[in-house]
Protein backbone atom coordinates (compact mmCIF):
# COMPACT_ATOMS: atom_id res chain seq x y z
CA MET A 1 0.00 0.00 0.00
CA ARG A 2 1.27 3.37 -0.88
CA GLY A 3 0.16 6.95 -0.82
CA PHE A 4 -2.99 8.24 0.79
CA SER A 5 -4.66 4.88 1.63
CA GLY A 6 -1.48 3.68 3.33
CA ALA A 7 -1.33 6.84 5.44
CA ILE A 8 -4.96 6.39 6.48
CA LEU A 9 -4.36 2.77 7.50
CA ALA A 10 -1.21 3.69 9.43
CA GLY A 11 -2.99 6.56 11.17
CA GLY A 12 -5.92 4.31 12.09
CA LEU A 13 -3.61 1.63 13.50
CA ALA A 14 -1.80 4.26 15.55
CA LEU A 15 -5.10 5.39 17.06
CA VAL A 16 -6.05 1.82 17.96
CA ALA A 17 -2.63 1.13 19.46
CA GLY A 18 -2.41 4.42 21.34
CA GLY A 19 -6.05 4.77 22.34
CA ALA A 20 -8.19 7.72 21.39
CA GLN A 21 -7.52 10.94 23.23
CA ALA A 22 -10.47 12.57 24.97
CA ALA A 23 -11.45 15.93 23.54
CA PRO A 24 -10.70 18.89 25.79
CA PRO A 25 -13.75 20.27 27.60
CA LEU A 26 -15.71 23.13 26.05
CA ALA A 27 -15.38 24.97 29.37
CA GLU A 28 -13.90 24.44 32.82
CA ALA A 29 -14.12 26.32 36.11
CA THR A 30 -12.87 25.78 39.66
CA GLY A 31 -13.72 27.30 43.00
CA ASN A 32 -14.91 26.74 46.54
CA TRP A 33 -18.64 26.44 47.21
CA ALA A 34 -18.26 28.61 50.34
CA GLY A 35 -16.81 31.46 48.27
CA PRO A 36 -13.32 32.98 48.17
CA ALA A 37 -12.80 32.63 51.94
CA GLY A 38 -12.88 28.83 51.54
CA GLY A 39 -14.17 26.55 54.25
CA GLY A 40 -16.49 24.65 51.90
CA PHE A 41 -15.95 21.97 49.31
CA TYR A 42 -13.56 22.80 46.50
CA PHE A 43 -14.92 21.97 43.07
CA ARG A 44 -14.01 21.54 39.45
CA ALA A 45 -16.72 21.70 36.79
CA THR A 46 -16.49 20.92 33.09
CA LEU A 47 -18.80 21.15 30.10
CA GLU A 48 -17.97 18.44 27.60
CA GLY A 49 -19.29 18.50 24.05
CA GLU A 50 -21.37 15.56 22.84
CA SER A 51 -22.75 16.22 19.37
CA ASP A 52 -24.80 19.43 19.69
CA ARG A 53 -25.18 19.15 23.47
CA ALA A 54 -22.96 19.54 26.51
CA ARG A 55 -22.51 17.25 29.50
CA LEU A 56 -21.98 18.95 32.86
CA ARG A 57 -19.63 17.22 35.30
CA ILE A 58 -18.72 18.42 38.78
CA TRP A 59 -16.12 16.99 41.18
CA ASN A 60 -15.91 18.01 44.84
CA GLY A 61 -12.84 17.87 47.09
CA THR A 62 -12.29 18.68 50.74
CA GLU A 63 -8.62 19.74 50.71
CA ALA A 64 -8.09 21.08 47.19
CA VAL A 65 -9.62 21.30 43.73
CA PRO A 66 -10.06 17.69 42.58
CA GLN A 67 -8.09 16.58 39.52
CA GLY A 68 -9.72 13.27 38.68
CA GLY A 69 -11.86 10.40 39.79
CA GLU A 70 -15.58 9.94 39.35
CA PRO A 71 -17.66 13.15 39.24
CA GLN A 72 -20.28 13.66 41.93
CA LEU A 73 -22.60 15.19 39.30
CA ASP A 74 -22.73 13.95 35.71
CA VAL A 75 -25.63 15.23 33.59
CA ALA A 76 -25.83 14.52 29.87
CA ASP A 77 -27.76 17.03 27.73
CA PHE A 78 -27.36 19.75 30.36
CA ALA A 79 -26.94 22.47 27.72
CA LEU A 80 -27.72 22.79 24.03
CA THR A 81 -24.66 23.84 22.06
CA ALA A 82 -26.06 23.77 18.51
CA PHE A 83 -25.27 27.12 16.92
CA ALA A 84 -23.30 28.14 20.04
CA THR A 85 -21.07 31.15 19.61
CA ASP A 86 -19.77 31.00 23.19
CA VAL A 87 -19.93 28.31 25.87
CA ARG A 88 -18.47 29.00 29.30
CA LEU A 89 -18.60 28.31 33.00
CA GLU A 90 -18.41 31.26 35.38
CA VAL A 91 -18.02 31.32 39.16
CA LEU A 92 -19.77 34.19 40.94
CA ASP A 93 -18.66 34.75 44.51
CA THR A 94 -21.43 36.04 46.76
CA PRO A 95 -21.79 36.46 50.55
CA GLN A 96 -23.92 33.26 50.44
CA GLY A 97 -21.20 31.26 48.68
CA SER A 98 -20.20 30.57 45.10
CA ILE A 99 -22.65 30.24 42.23
CA LEU A 100 -21.65 28.25 39.16
CA GLN A 101 -23.12 29.69 35.96
CA VAL A 102 -23.43 27.65 32.77
CA VAL A 103 -23.58 30.20 29.94
CA VAL A 104 -24.39 29.43 26.30
CA GLU A 105 -24.70 32.17 23.71
CA PHE A 106 -26.06 31.16 20.33
CA ALA A 107 -26.81 32.56 16.87
CA ASP A 108 -27.81 31.40 13.43
CA GLU A 109 -29.32 33.03 10.34
CA GLU A 110 -32.70 33.54 12.05
CA ALA A 111 -32.09 33.99 15.77
CA GLU A 112 -29.65 34.86 18.51
CA GLY A 113 -29.75 34.56 22.25
CA ARG A 114 -28.33 33.42 25.53
CA ASP A 115 -29.09 30.82 28.21
CA VAL A 116 -27.72 30.94 31.77
CA VAL A 117 -28.26 28.25 34.41
CA GLN A 118 -27.15 29.04 37.98
CA LEU A 119 -26.18 26.29 40.44
CA GLN A 120 -25.16 26.16 44.06
CA TYR A 121 -24.11 23.24 46.24
CA LEU A 122 -26.66 23.37 49.08
CA ASP A 123 -27.23 20.70 51.74
CA PHE A 124 -25.17 18.19 49.75
CA GLN A 125 -27.25 18.75 46.59
CA TYR A 126 -26.31 20.46 43.32
CA THR A 127 -29.23 22.86 43.18
CA VAL A 128 -30.56 24.90 40.25
CA ILE A 129 -31.27 28.30 41.81
CA GLY A 130 -31.80 30.37 38.67
CA TYR A 131 -32.29 30.31 34.92
CA ALA A 132 -32.36 33.06 32.29
CA HIS A 133 -33.21 32.84 28.61
CA GLN A 134 -33.08 35.65 26.07
CA SER A 135 -33.69 35.18 22.36
CA ARG A 136 -34.45 37.34 19.35
CA PHE A 137 -36.06 35.81 16.27
CA GLY A 138 -35.90 38.48 13.57
CA THR A 139 -39.46 39.53 12.75
CA ALA A 140 -41.00 36.65 14.76
CA GLY A 141 -40.30 38.44 18.03
CA GLN A 142 -38.25 38.06 21.13
CA THR A 143 -38.54 36.44 24.51
CA ASP A 144 -36.92 37.19 27.84
CA CYS A 145 -37.47 34.83 30.74
CA GLU A 146 -35.74 35.01 34.11
CA VAL A 147 -36.48 32.35 36.72
CA ASP A 148 -35.58 32.80 40.38
CA VAL A 149 -36.04 29.17 41.38
CA TRP A 150 -34.89 29.73 44.94
CA ASN A 151 -37.53 32.42 45.60
CA GLY A 152 -40.19 30.88 43.33
CA ARG A 153 -40.63 33.71 40.80
CA VAL A 154 -40.58 34.04 37.02
CA THR A 155 -40.36 37.29 35.08
CA GLU A 156 -41.20 36.69 31.46
CA ASN A 157 -41.37 39.52 28.94
CA GLY A 158 -41.91 42.00 31.78
CA THR A 159 -44.62 40.05 33.62
CA THR A 160 -43.83 38.45 37.00
CA ARG A 161 -45.64 35.39 38.32
CA SER A 162 -45.06 32.77 41.01
CA LEU A 163 -43.75 29.31 40.32
CA PRO A 164 -45.85 26.42 41.58
CA PRO A 165 -44.68 25.17 44.98
CA MET A 166 -41.83 22.66 44.74
CA ASP A 167 -39.75 20.80 47.24
CA PHE A 168 -35.97 21.02 47.51
CA ALA A 169 -35.46 17.77 45.58
CA ALA A 170 -37.30 19.26 42.56
CA MET A 171 -34.44 21.77 42.22
CA ASN A 172 -31.82 19.01 41.93
CA ALA A 173 -29.48 19.68 39.00
CA SER A 174 -29.27 15.96 38.22
CA ALA A 175 -32.75 16.24 36.63
CA TRP A 176 -31.91 19.33 34.53
CA HIS A 177 -31.63 19.32 30.75
CA PHE A 178 -31.43 22.09 28.18
CA GLY A 179 -35.23 22.31 27.71
CA ALA A 180 -36.22 21.91 31.37
CA ALA A 181 -37.43 25.48 31.97
CA PHE A 182 -39.76 25.21 28.97
CA ASP A 183 -40.88 21.64 29.71
CA ARG A 184 -41.74 22.64 33.29
CA GLY A 185 -43.80 25.61 32.08
CA TRP A 186 -41.50 28.22 33.65
CA CYS A 187 -40.81 29.87 30.28
CA GLN A 188 -42.81 29.88 27.04
CA ARG A 189 -41.42 29.31 23.58
CA ILE A 190 -42.20 31.87 20.90
CA GLY A 191 -45.38 30.80 19.19
CA GLY A 192 -46.04 28.16 21.84
């Protein structure tokens, strides 16, 4: 075998022999759930691309930011990354501890927007405490929806309403997926 087909075969054999390398995460962030003063669990979070979606993984450590092992939270389809122009994890330090934000900005020929999911580690649970969605669809309109899960309020296109009562377990991030706020009726899709 010579030429191009020989190079492909050699390259394929090298991959099999050496094992495939994992793709680097789309985003990574570290911090301490208690905030910059420390005293809480250290964490490392990653968003890993899987087709047009992102898997959120979080590791906790007691002495330092964890570097490996099994994640304590592993959620496939946490964020939609189709048409993403920016995907990032941000750590906001507040007097009540750190908030991990999963931010996805997106655009295509017809629309542009942004999704933000806010998480905190509360009572040994990864808890969704907030969600915000903004999108503009050319002449079809726009939608802005901000959900304060912790306080049970939604402000959508300037109108505020209460969320239905929910227990603490209902806020568990392990049950979150990129369409959860819409599926749960917190936000409405344009035309829907």
